[in-house]
Amino acid sequence: MICTQCEGVIPQGATECPHCGAAVVVAEAVATEPTAPQTTPGPEPAPWAAAPAAPVATPVSGGTVAFKFDAKRWSQADRIAGGATLVLLISLFLAWFKVSYLFISASASGLSAHGFLYLVLIICLVVLAYLVLRAGYEQLPFKLPLAHEPLLLIATLVNLVLVLIAFLDKPGGPGVGWDFGAFLALVAAVVAAAPLGIPAIKARRSAAK
């Protein structure tokens, strides 16, 4: 062993250093338990990598389309035709004809004076319901027999013809004249058909040239 004072060589079993006389201290070996090897922690996983991503839902074929009303789906012609059709519907219940003769004064609505105007009533309801569906669905859940513009044009033209006939077919008798409802209905029927009828006439004239 080596002396801790003079670093001289001490014989085995000696109690002091023969060179400097320093006492020899025998240290007991301390048994230590083996420690577990330390590992360097790696980088923590990203939060988005901790769990698998949720599956993305795919639309089911043949499912129903949700109704969501959006007036922006209407064109300018649709707005005019729809508004005029609503006015026409209301005018059918107003007084179309009036009687003022001597002491007699009476009035009759369009529906009571002409029964065939109930057909105009039905067409108005169908047109308004169709426009509401067109604004509620990006793609209608049913197939139309015609394109949108021709279909709407035919409906408004039929109403115009029937209203014109009812307007001209004034009940006979002394003192019978038109009332406010008849004029309102005629104007509304013309306005409803004009936005689609005028472009159709112009297109036909251009094609004929």
C-alpha atoms as a PDB file:
ATOM      1  CA  MET A   1       0.000   0.000   0.000  1.00  0.00           C
ATOM      2  CA  ILE A   2       1.060   3.635  -0.330  1.00  0.00           C
ATOM      3  CA  CYS A   3       1.462   6.033   2.580  1.00  0.00           C
ATOM      4  CA  THR A   4      -0.891   8.980   2.468  1.00  0.00           C
ATOM      5  CA  GLN A   5       1.693  11.319   4.013  1.00  0.00           C
ATOM      6  CA  CYS A   6       4.954  10.635   2.183  1.00  0.00           C
ATOM      7  CA  GLU A   7       3.649   8.363  -0.531  1.00  0.00           C
ATOM      8  CA  GLY A   8       6.192   5.744   0.434  1.00  0.00           C
ATOM      9  CA  VAL A   9       5.637   2.003   0.115  1.00  0.00           C
ATOM     10  CA  ILE A  10       4.305   0.415   3.343  1.00  0.00           C
ATOM     11  CA  PRO A  11       4.880  -3.343   3.829  1.00  0.00           C
ATOM     12  CA  GLN A  12       1.841  -5.579   4.162  1.00  0.00           C
ATOM     13  CA  GLY A  13       0.589  -5.794   7.796  1.00  0.00           C
ATOM     14  CA  ALA A  14       2.549  -2.732   9.041  1.00  0.00           C
ATOM     15  CA  THR A  15       0.775  -0.380  11.431  1.00  0.00           C
ATOM     16  CA  GLU A  16       2.895   2.661  10.627  1.00  0.00           C
ATOM     17  CA  CYS A  17       4.911   3.974   7.722  1.00  0.00           C
ATOM     18  CA  PRO A  18       8.599   2.964   7.983  1.00  0.00           C
ATOM     19  CA  HIS A  19       9.601   6.181   6.248  1.00  0.00           C
ATOM     20  CA  CYS A  20       7.672   8.902   8.069  1.00  0.00           C
ATOM     21  CA  GLY A  21       6.131   7.029  11.002  1.00  0.00           C
ATOM     22  CA  ALA A  22       2.559   7.978  10.122  1.00  0.00           C
ATOM     23  CA  ALA A  23      -0.083   5.584  11.384  1.00  0.00           C
ATOM     24  CA  VAL A  24      -1.683   3.416   8.789  1.00  0.00           C
ATOM     25  CA  VAL A  25      -5.499   3.586   8.671  1.00  0.00           C
ATOM     26  CA  VAL A  26      -7.162   0.632   7.034  1.00  0.00           C
ATOM     27  CA  ALA A  27     -10.361   1.701   5.347  1.00  0.00           C
ATOM     28  CA  GLU A  28     -13.216  -0.762   5.178  1.00  0.00           C
ATOM     29  CA  ALA A  29     -14.750  -1.309   1.865  1.00  0.00           C
ATOM     30  CA  VAL A  30     -18.257  -0.051   1.814  1.00  0.00           C
ATOM     31  CA  ALA A  31     -20.537  -2.192  -0.168  1.00  0.00           C
ATOM     32  CA  THR A  32     -22.772  -0.214  -2.313  1.00  0.00           C
ATOM     33  CA  GLU A  33     -25.825  -1.395  -3.989  1.00  0.00           C
ATOM     34  CA  PRO A  34     -25.762  -1.272  -7.743  1.00  0.00           C
ATOM     35  CA  THR A  35     -27.744   1.602  -9.003  1.00  0.00           C
ATOM     36  CA  ALA A  36     -30.020   1.299 -11.885  1.00  0.00           C
ATOM     37  CA  PRO A  37     -28.581   2.669 -15.048  1.00  0.00           C
ATOM     38  CA  GLN A  38     -29.850   6.125 -15.777  1.00  0.00           C
ATOM     39  CA  THR A  39     -31.274   6.705 -19.175  1.00  0.00           C
ATOM     40  CA  THR A  40     -31.473   9.997 -20.882  1.00  0.00           C
ATOM     41  CA  PRO A  41     -35.122  10.944 -21.388  1.00  0.00           C
ATOM     42  CA  GLY A  42     -36.026  11.313 -24.991  1.00  0.00           C
ATOM     43  CA  PRO A  43     -38.195  14.041 -26.435  1.00  0.00           C
ATOM     44  CA  GLU A  44     -41.812  14.001 -25.337  1.00  0.00           C
ATOM     45  CA  PRO A  45     -44.341  13.106 -28.004  1.00  0.00           C
ATOM     46  CA  ALA A  46     -46.287  15.944 -29.514  1.00  0.00           C
ATOM     47  CA  PRO A  47     -49.779  16.471 -28.046  1.00  0.00           C
ATOM     48  CA  TRP A  48     -51.420  15.734 -31.373  1.00  0.00           C
ATOM     49  CA  ALA A  49     -49.530  12.421 -31.594  1.00  0.00           C
ATOM     50  CA  ALA A  50     -50.695  11.157 -28.183  1.00  0.00           C
ATOM     51  CA  ALA A  51     -53.982   9.788 -29.511  1.00  0.00           C
ATOM     52  CA  PRO A  52     -54.965   8.588 -32.962  1.00  0.00           C
ATOM     53  CA  ALA A  53     -56.798  11.094 -35.076  1.00  0.00           C
ATOM     54  CA  ALA A  54     -60.581  10.851 -35.125  1.00  0.00           C
ATOM     55  CA  PRO A  55     -62.020   9.444 -38.320  1.00  0.00           C
ATOM     56  CA  VAL A  56     -63.476  11.988 -40.722  1.00  0.00           C
ATOM     57  CA  ALA A  57     -67.171  11.533 -41.350  1.00  0.00           C
ATOM     58  CA  THR A  58     -68.098  10.998 -44.956  1.00  0.00           C
ATOM     59  CA  PRO A  59     -71.495  11.814 -46.380  1.00  0.00           C
ATOM     60  CA  VAL A  60     -73.798   8.843 -46.737  1.00  0.00           C
ATOM     61  CA  SER A  61     -75.107   8.324 -50.219  1.00  0.00           C
ATOM     62  CA  GLY A  62     -78.836   8.618 -50.527  1.00  0.00           C
ATOM     63  CA  GLY A  63     -79.191  10.754 -47.378  1.00  0.00           C
ATOM     64  CA  THR A  64     -81.690  13.575 -47.105  1.00  0.00           C
ATOM     65  CA  VAL A  65     -80.552  17.112 -47.873  1.00  0.00           C
ATOM     66  CA  ALA A  66     -81.038  19.624 -45.079  1.00  0.00           C
ATOM     67  CA  PHE A  67     -83.387  22.567 -45.684  1.00  0.00           C
ATOM     68  CA  LYS A  68     -81.710  25.943 -45.151  1.00  0.00           C
ATOM     69  CA  PHE A  69     -83.531  29.023 -46.391  1.00  0.00           C
ATOM     70  CA  ASP A  70     -81.295  31.451 -48.279  1.00  0.00           C
ATOM     71  CA  ALA A  71     -82.950  34.214 -50.307  1.00  0.00           C
ATOM     72  CA  LYS A  72     -79.669  34.751 -52.187  1.00  0.00           C
ATOM     73  CA  ARG A  73     -80.523  31.679 -54.258  1.00  0.00           C
ATOM     74  CA  TRP A  74     -83.282  33.703 -55.917  1.00  0.00           C
ATOM     75  CA  SER A  75     -82.474  35.632 -59.048  1.00  0.00           C
ATOM     76  CA  GLN A  76     -83.847  39.107 -59.662  1.00  0.00           C
ATOM     77  CA  ALA A  77     -86.553  37.637 -61.887  1.00  0.00           C
ATOM     78  CA  ASP A  78     -87.491  35.147 -59.154  1.00  0.00           C
ATOM     79  CA  ARG A  79     -87.896  37.971 -56.624  1.00  0.00           C
ATOM     80  CA  ILE A  80     -90.116  40.026 -58.919  1.00  0.00           C
ATOM     81  CA  ALA A  81     -92.217  37.050 -60.011  1.00  0.00           C
ATOM     82  CA  GLY A  82     -92.600  35.809 -56.436  1.00  0.00           C
ATOM     83  CA  GLY A  83     -93.560  39.195 -55.019  1.00  0.00           C
ATOM     84  CA  ALA A  84     -96.073  39.881 -57.800  1.00  0.00           C
ATOM     85  CA  THR A  85     -97.552  36.382 -57.419  1.00  0.00           C
ATOM     86  CA  LEU A  86     -98.094  37.018 -53.714  1.00  0.00           C
ATOM     87  CA  VAL A  87     -99.890  40.287 -54.512  1.00  0.00           C
ATOM     88  CA  LEU A  88    -102.007  38.457 -57.092  1.00  0.00           C
ATOM     89  CA  LEU A  89    -102.941  35.820 -54.517  1.00  0.00           C
ATOM     90  CA  ILE A  90    -104.120  38.490 -52.089  1.00  0.00           C
ATOM     91  CA  SER A  91    -106.031  40.390 -54.775  1.00  0.00           C
ATOM     92  CA  LEU A  92    -108.220  37.356 -55.510  1.00  0.00           C
ATOM     93  CA  PHE A  93    -109.963  37.921 -52.160  1.00  0.00           C
ATOM     94  CA  LEU A  94    -110.485  41.643 -52.723  1.00  0.00           C
ATOM     95  CA  ALA A  95    -113.459  43.289 -54.438  1.00  0.00           C
ATOM     96  CA  TRP A  96    -113.215  42.957 -58.228  1.00  0.00           C
ATOM     97  CA  PHE A  97    -116.633  44.233 -59.249  1.00  0.00           C
ATOM     98  CA  LYS A  98    -119.065  46.651 -57.670  1.00  0.00           C
ATOM     99  CA  VAL A  99    -122.689  47.521 -58.276  1.00  0.00           C
ATOM    100  CA  SER A 100    -124.010  51.014 -57.675  1.00  0.00           C
ATOM    101  CA  TYR A 101    -127.540  51.386 -58.985  1.00  0.00           C
ATOM    102  CA  LEU A 102    -130.211  53.462 -57.344  1.00  0.00           C
ATOM    103  CA  PHE A 103    -130.207  52.348 -53.725  1.00  0.00           C
ATOM    104  CA  ILE A 104    -128.277  49.144 -54.423  1.00  0.00           C
ATOM    105  CA  SER A 105    -124.559  48.971 -53.578  1.00  0.00           C
ATOM    106  CA  ALA A 106    -122.649  45.669 -53.541  1.00  0.00           C
ATOM    107  CA  SER A 107    -119.287  44.202 -54.468  1.00  0.00           C
ATOM    108  CA  ALA A 108    -117.908  40.793 -55.382  1.00  0.00           C
ATOM    109  CA  SER A 109    -114.424  39.345 -55.071  1.00  0.00           C
ATOM    110  CA  GLY A 110    -112.660  37.741 -57.974  1.00  0.00           C
ATOM    111  CA  LEU A 111    -113.212  34.238 -56.605  1.00  0.00           C
ATOM    112  CA  SER A 112    -116.918  34.772 -56.034  1.00  0.00           C
ATOM    113  CA  ALA A 113    -117.458  36.408 -59.437  1.00  0.00           C
ATOM    114  CA  HIS A 114    -115.459  33.842 -61.463  1.00  0.00           C
ATOM    115  CA  GLY A 115    -115.059  30.295 -60.204  1.00  0.00           C
ATOM    116  CA  PHE A 116    -112.203  29.532 -62.613  1.00  0.00           C
ATOM    117  CA  LEU A 117    -110.004  31.958 -60.687  1.00  0.00           C
ATOM    118  CA  TYR A 118    -109.561  29.190 -58.136  1.00  0.00           C
ATOM    119  CA  LEU A 119    -107.131  27.740 -60.664  1.00  0.00           C
ATOM    120  CA  VAL A 120    -105.146  30.982 -60.402  1.00  0.00           C
ATOM    121  CA  LEU A 121    -105.243  30.595 -56.618  1.00  0.00           C
ATOM    122  CA  ILE A 122    -103.778  27.088 -56.858  1.00  0.00           C
ATOM    123  CA  ILE A 123    -101.072  28.153 -59.322  1.00  0.00           C
ATOM    124  CA  CYS A 124    -100.076  31.053 -57.066  1.00  0.00           C
ATOM    125  CA  LEU A 125     -99.704  28.724 -54.077  1.00  0.00           C
ATOM    126  CA  VAL A 126     -97.650  26.257 -56.119  1.00  0.00           C
ATOM    127  CA  VAL A 127     -95.363  29.008 -57.459  1.00  0.00           C
ATOM    128  CA  LEU A 128     -94.758  30.465 -53.991  1.00  0.00           C
ATOM    129  CA  ALA A 129     -94.096  27.028 -52.485  1.00  0.00           C
ATOM    130  CA  TYR A 130     -91.720  26.210 -55.333  1.00  0.00           C
ATOM    131  CA  LEU A 131     -89.751  29.432 -54.817  1.00  0.00           C
ATOM    132  CA  VAL A 132     -89.481  28.737 -51.083  1.00  0.00           C
ATOM    133  CA  LEU A 133     -88.113  25.259 -51.805  1.00  0.00           C
ATOM    134  CA  ARG A 134     -85.694  26.716 -54.343  1.00  0.00           C
ATOM    135  CA  ALA A 135     -84.374  29.110 -51.699  1.00  0.00           C
ATOM    136  CA  GLY A 136     -84.178  26.353 -49.070  1.00  0.00           C
ATOM    137  CA  TYR A 137     -82.323  23.702 -51.081  1.00  0.00           C
ATOM    138  CA  GLU A 138     -79.136  24.157 -53.033  1.00  0.00           C
ATOM    139  CA  GLN A 139     -80.371  21.295 -55.185  1.00  0.00           C
ATOM    140  CA  LEU A 140     -84.052  20.370 -55.198  1.00  0.00           C
ATOM    141  CA  PRO A 141     -84.805  16.875 -53.820  1.00  0.00           C
ATOM    142  CA  PHE A 142     -87.085  16.163 -56.788  1.00  0.00           C
ATOM    143  CA  LYS A 143     -86.758  16.368 -60.544  1.00  0.00           C
ATOM    144  CA  LEU A 144     -88.606  19.055 -62.484  1.00  0.00           C
ATOM    145  CA  PRO A 145     -90.273  18.321 -65.830  1.00  0.00           C
ATOM    146  CA  LEU A 146     -88.792  21.546 -67.251  1.00  0.00           C
ATOM    147  CA  ALA A 147     -85.969  23.933 -66.518  1.00  0.00           C
ATOM    148  CA  HIS A 148     -86.539  26.622 -63.899  1.00  0.00           C
ATOM    149  CA  GLU A 149     -87.109  29.635 -66.174  1.00  0.00           C
ATOM    150  CA  PRO A 150     -89.512  27.968 -68.653  1.00  0.00           C
ATOM    151  CA  LEU A 151     -91.482  26.395 -65.807  1.00  0.00           C
ATOM    152  CA  LEU A 152     -91.916  29.683 -63.968  1.00  0.00           C
ATOM    153  CA  LEU A 153     -92.714  31.496 -67.203  1.00  0.00           C
ATOM    154  CA  ILE A 154     -95.494  29.048 -68.109  1.00  0.00           C
ATOM    155  CA  ALA A 155     -97.078  29.339 -64.647  1.00  0.00           C
ATOM    156  CA  THR A 156     -97.077  33.148 -64.657  1.00  0.00           C
ATOM    157  CA  LEU A 157     -98.367  33.316 -68.251  1.00  0.00           C
ATOM    158  CA  VAL A 158    -101.287  30.995 -67.432  1.00  0.00           C
ATOM    159  CA  ASN A 159    -102.167  33.242 -64.505  1.00  0.00           C
ATOM    160  CA  LEU A 160    -101.959  36.317 -66.730  1.00  0.00           C
ATOM    161  CA  VAL A 161    -104.297  34.840 -69.348  1.00  0.00           C
ATOM    162  CA  LEU A 162    -106.869  33.736 -66.767  1.00  0.00           C
ATOM    163  CA  VAL A 163    -106.779  37.059 -64.923  1.00  0.00           C
ATOM    164  CA  LEU A 164    -107.155  38.973 -68.204  1.00  0.00           C
ATOM    165  CA  ILE A 165    -110.170  36.867 -69.159  1.00  0.00           C
ATOM    166  CA  ALA A 166    -111.714  37.405 -65.707  1.00  0.00           C
ATOM    167  CA  PHE A 167    -111.046  41.142 -65.927  1.00  0.00           C
ATOM    168  CA  LEU A 168    -112.690  41.512 -69.340  1.00  0.00           C
ATOM    169  CA  ASP A 169    -115.597  39.215 -68.458  1.00  0.00           C
ATOM    170  CA  LYS A 170    -117.348  41.803 -66.334  1.00  0.00           C
ATOM    171  CA  PRO A 171    -120.745  40.744 -65.046  1.00  0.00           C
ATOM    172  CA  GLY A 172    -123.552  42.399 -66.993  1.00  0.00           C
ATOM    173  CA  GLY A 173    -126.191  44.628 -65.576  1.00  0.00           C
ATOM    174  CA  PRO A 174    -126.771  48.305 -64.901  1.00  0.00           C
ATOM    175  CA  GLY A 175    -124.298  50.052 -62.655  1.00  0.00           C
ATOM    176  CA  VAL A 176    -121.697  47.227 -62.664  1.00  0.00           C
ATOM    177  CA  GLY A 177    -118.069  48.330 -62.786  1.00  0.00           C
ATOM    178  CA  TRP A 178    -114.588  47.236 -61.827  1.00  0.00           C
ATOM    179  CA  ASP A 179    -113.268  47.631 -58.332  1.00  0.00           C
ATOM    180  CA  PHE A 180    -109.750  47.999 -56.908  1.00  0.00           C
ATOM    181  CA  GLY A 181    -109.044  44.263 -56.689  1.00  0.00           C
ATOM    182  CA  ALA A 182    -109.477  43.701 -60.420  1.00  0.00           C
ATOM    183  CA  PHE A 183    -106.933  46.366 -61.366  1.00  0.00           C
ATOM    184  CA  LEU A 184    -104.481  45.175 -58.715  1.00  0.00           C
ATOM    185  CA  ALA A 185    -104.748  41.573 -59.927  1.00  0.00           C
ATOM    186  CA  LEU A 186    -104.210  42.544 -63.569  1.00  0.00           C
ATOM    187  CA  VAL A 187    -101.130  44.643 -62.782  1.00  0.00           C
ATOM    188  CA  ALA A 188     -99.708  41.906 -60.506  1.00  0.00           C
ATOM    189  CA  ALA A 189    -100.219  39.233 -63.176  1.00  0.00           C
ATOM    190  CA  VAL A 190     -98.415  41.366 -65.786  1.00  0.00           C
ATOM    191  CA  VAL A 191     -95.512  42.143 -63.435  1.00  0.00           C
ATOM    192  CA  ALA A 192     -95.132  38.459 -62.459  1.00  0.00           C
ATOM    193  CA  ALA A 193     -94.808  37.337 -66.089  1.00  0.00           C
ATOM    194  CA  ALA A 194     -92.727  40.266 -67.373  1.00  0.00           C
ATOM    195  CA  PRO A 195     -89.238  39.414 -65.927  1.00  0.00           C
ATOM    196  CA  LEU A 196     -89.195  36.058 -67.727  1.00  0.00           C
ATOM    197  CA  GLY A 197     -91.515  36.821 -70.630  1.00  0.00           C
ATOM    198  CA  ILE A 198     -89.686  39.877 -71.983  1.00  0.00           C
ATOM    199  CA  PRO A 199     -86.248  38.146 -72.213  1.00  0.00           C
ATOM    200  CA  ALA A 200     -87.919  35.146 -73.877  1.00  0.00           C
ATOM    201  CA  ILE A 201     -89.534  37.390 -76.494  1.00  0.00           C
ATOM    202  CA  LYS A 202     -86.249  39.173 -77.164  1.00  0.00           C
ATOM    203  CA  ALA A 203     -84.402  35.877 -77.513  1.00  0.00           C
ATOM    204  CA  ARG A 204     -86.972  34.580 -79.979  1.00  0.00           C
ATOM    205  CA  ARG A 205     -86.734  37.758 -82.068  1.00  0.00           C
ATOM    206  CA  SER A 206     -82.937  37.559 -82.099  1.00  0.00           C
ATOM    207  CA  ALA A 207     -83.084  33.919 -83.203  1.00  0.00           C
ATOM    208  CA  ALA A 208     -85.531  34.768 -85.998  1.00  0.00           C
ATOM    209  CA  LYS A 209     -83.196  37.407 -87.507  1.00  0.00           C
END
